[in-house]
Amino acid sequence: PSPRPRMDQRLHEGLLEGLVTGRLQRTADGRICRLRAAWPSTYRR
């Protein structure tokens, strides 16, 4: 069992949401990159 299943679940859900909304893009080699232009500037603070 994972020591932080809830955190992993949230991270996974956020990742899927990012892919669906177009904030994240999966590259050809399977990596995931952020589209920084799609994120609001206040998000990084």
N, C-alpha and C. Protein backbone atom coordinates (compact mmCIF):
# COMPACT_ATOMS: atom_id res chain seq x y z
N PRO A 1 0.83 -1.21 0.00
CA PRO A 1 0.00 0.00 0.00
C PRO A 1 0.86 1.26 0.00
N SER A 2 0.42 2.26 -0.72
CA SER A 2 1.17 3.51 -0.80
C SER A 2 1.02 4.31 0.48
N PRO A 3 2.08 4.97 0.92
CA PRO A 3 2.01 5.77 2.15
C PRO A 3 1.12 6.99 1.99
N ARG A 4 0.97 7.46 0.75
CA ARG A 4 0.14 8.64 0.52
C ARG A 4 -0.82 8.39 -0.65
N PRO A 5 -1.78 7.51 -0.47
CA PRO A 5 -2.69 7.18 -1.58
C PRO A 5 -3.58 8.35 -1.97
N ARG A 6 -4.00 9.14 -0.97
CA ARG A 6 -4.89 10.26 -1.25
C ARG A 6 -4.16 11.33 -2.06
N MET A 7 -2.90 11.57 -1.72
CA MET A 7 -2.12 12.57 -2.43
C MET A 7 -1.86 12.12 -3.86
N ASP A 8 -1.55 10.84 -4.02
CA ASP A 8 -1.31 10.31 -5.36
C ASP A 8 -2.58 10.39 -6.20
N GLN A 9 -3.71 10.12 -5.57
CA GLN A 9 -4.98 10.16 -6.29
C GLN A 9 -5.28 11.58 -6.75
N ARG A 10 -5.05 12.55 -5.87
CA ARG A 10 -5.28 13.95 -6.23
C ARG A 10 -4.36 14.38 -7.36
N LEU A 11 -3.11 13.94 -7.28
CA LEU A 11 -2.14 14.30 -8.30
C LEU A 11 -2.54 13.71 -9.65
N HIS A 12 -3.00 12.47 -9.61
CA HIS A 12 -3.42 11.79 -10.84
C HIS A 12 -4.65 12.47 -11.44
N GLU A 13 -5.60 12.84 -10.58
CA GLU A 13 -6.81 13.51 -11.06
C GLU A 13 -6.46 14.86 -11.66
N GLY A 14 -5.56 15.57 -11.02
CA GLY A 14 -5.13 16.87 -11.53
C GLY A 14 -4.44 16.74 -12.87
N LEU A 15 -3.66 15.66 -13.00
CA LEU A 15 -2.95 15.42 -14.24
C LEU A 15 -3.93 15.13 -15.37
N LEU A 16 -4.92 14.29 -15.08
CA LEU A 16 -5.93 13.98 -16.10
C LEU A 16 -6.73 15.22 -16.46
N GLU A 17 -7.07 16.03 -15.47
CA GLU A 17 -7.83 17.25 -15.72
C GLU A 17 -7.02 18.20 -16.59
N GLY A 18 -5.73 18.28 -16.32
CA GLY A 18 -4.86 19.13 -17.13
C GLY A 18 -4.80 18.67 -18.57
N LEU A 19 -4.75 17.36 -18.76
CA LEU A 19 -4.70 16.83 -20.13
C LEU A 19 -6.02 17.09 -20.85
N VAL A 20 -7.12 16.94 -20.14
CA VAL A 20 -8.43 17.12 -20.75
C VAL A 20 -8.67 18.58 -21.12
N THR A 21 -8.28 19.48 -20.23
CA THR A 21 -8.53 20.90 -20.47
C THR A 21 -7.49 21.51 -21.39
N GLY A 22 -6.45 20.74 -21.73
CA GLY A 22 -5.45 21.25 -22.66
C GLY A 22 -4.34 22.00 -21.98
N ARG A 23 -4.33 22.02 -20.63
CA ARG A 23 -3.26 22.71 -19.93
C ARG A 23 -1.95 21.93 -20.02
N LEU A 24 -2.10 20.60 -20.08
CA LEU A 24 -0.92 19.75 -20.22
C LEU A 24 -1.00 19.04 -21.55
N GLN A 25 0.14 18.77 -22.12
CA GLN A 25 0.16 18.08 -23.40
C GLN A 25 1.13 16.92 -23.34
N ARG A 26 0.67 15.75 -23.78
CA ARG A 26 1.53 14.57 -23.78
C ARG A 26 2.32 14.54 -25.08
N THR A 27 3.64 14.44 -24.94
CA THR A 27 4.49 14.45 -26.12
C THR A 27 4.59 13.06 -26.73
N ALA A 28 5.25 12.95 -27.86
CA ALA A 28 5.32 11.69 -28.59
C ALA A 28 6.05 10.61 -27.79
N ASP A 29 7.01 11.02 -26.98
CA ASP A 29 7.80 10.03 -26.23
C ASP A 29 7.13 9.66 -24.91
N GLY A 30 5.93 10.18 -24.68
CA GLY A 30 5.18 9.81 -23.49
C GLY A 30 5.35 10.77 -22.33
N ARG A 31 6.20 11.78 -22.51
CA ARG A 31 6.36 12.76 -21.43
C ARG A 31 5.22 13.76 -21.46
N ILE A 32 5.06 14.45 -20.34
CA ILE A 32 3.99 15.44 -20.25
C ILE A 32 4.63 16.81 -20.01
N CYS A 33 4.29 17.75 -20.86
CA CYS A 33 4.83 19.10 -20.71
C CYS A 33 3.70 20.08 -20.49
N ARG A 34 4.00 21.16 -19.75
CA ARG A 34 2.99 22.16 -19.49
C ARG A 34 2.96 23.18 -20.62
N LEU A 35 1.77 23.64 -20.94
CA LEU A 35 1.65 24.77 -21.85
C LEU A 35 1.56 26.01 -20.97
N ARG A 36 2.69 26.67 -20.77
CA ARG A 36 2.74 27.77 -19.81
C ARG A 36 1.86 28.92 -20.23
N ALA A 37 1.59 29.03 -21.52
CA ALA A 37 0.74 30.12 -21.99
C ALA A 37 -0.71 29.92 -21.53
N ALA A 38 -1.05 28.67 -21.23
CA ALA A 38 -2.42 28.37 -20.84
C ALA A 38 -2.65 28.60 -19.35
N TRP A 39 -1.57 28.67 -18.57
CA TRP A 39 -1.71 28.87 -17.14
C TRP A 39 -1.78 30.36 -16.83
N PRO A 40 -2.64 30.76 -15.91
CA PRO A 40 -2.65 32.15 -15.46
C PRO A 40 -1.36 32.47 -14.72
N SER A 41 -0.91 33.70 -14.83
CA SER A 41 0.38 34.08 -14.25
C SER A 41 0.34 33.99 -12.73
N THR A 42 -0.83 34.10 -12.14
CA THR A 42 -0.95 34.08 -10.69
C THR A 42 -0.88 32.67 -10.14
N TYR A 43 -0.93 31.65 -11.02
CA TYR A 43 -0.97 30.27 -10.56
C TYR A 43 0.35 29.87 -9.91
N ARG A 44 1.46 30.45 -10.37
CA ARG A 44 2.77 30.04 -9.89
C ARG A 44 3.09 30.61 -8.52
N ARG A 45 2.28 31.54 -8.05
CA ARG A 45 2.57 32.16 -6.76
C ARG A 45 1.99 31.35 -5.61
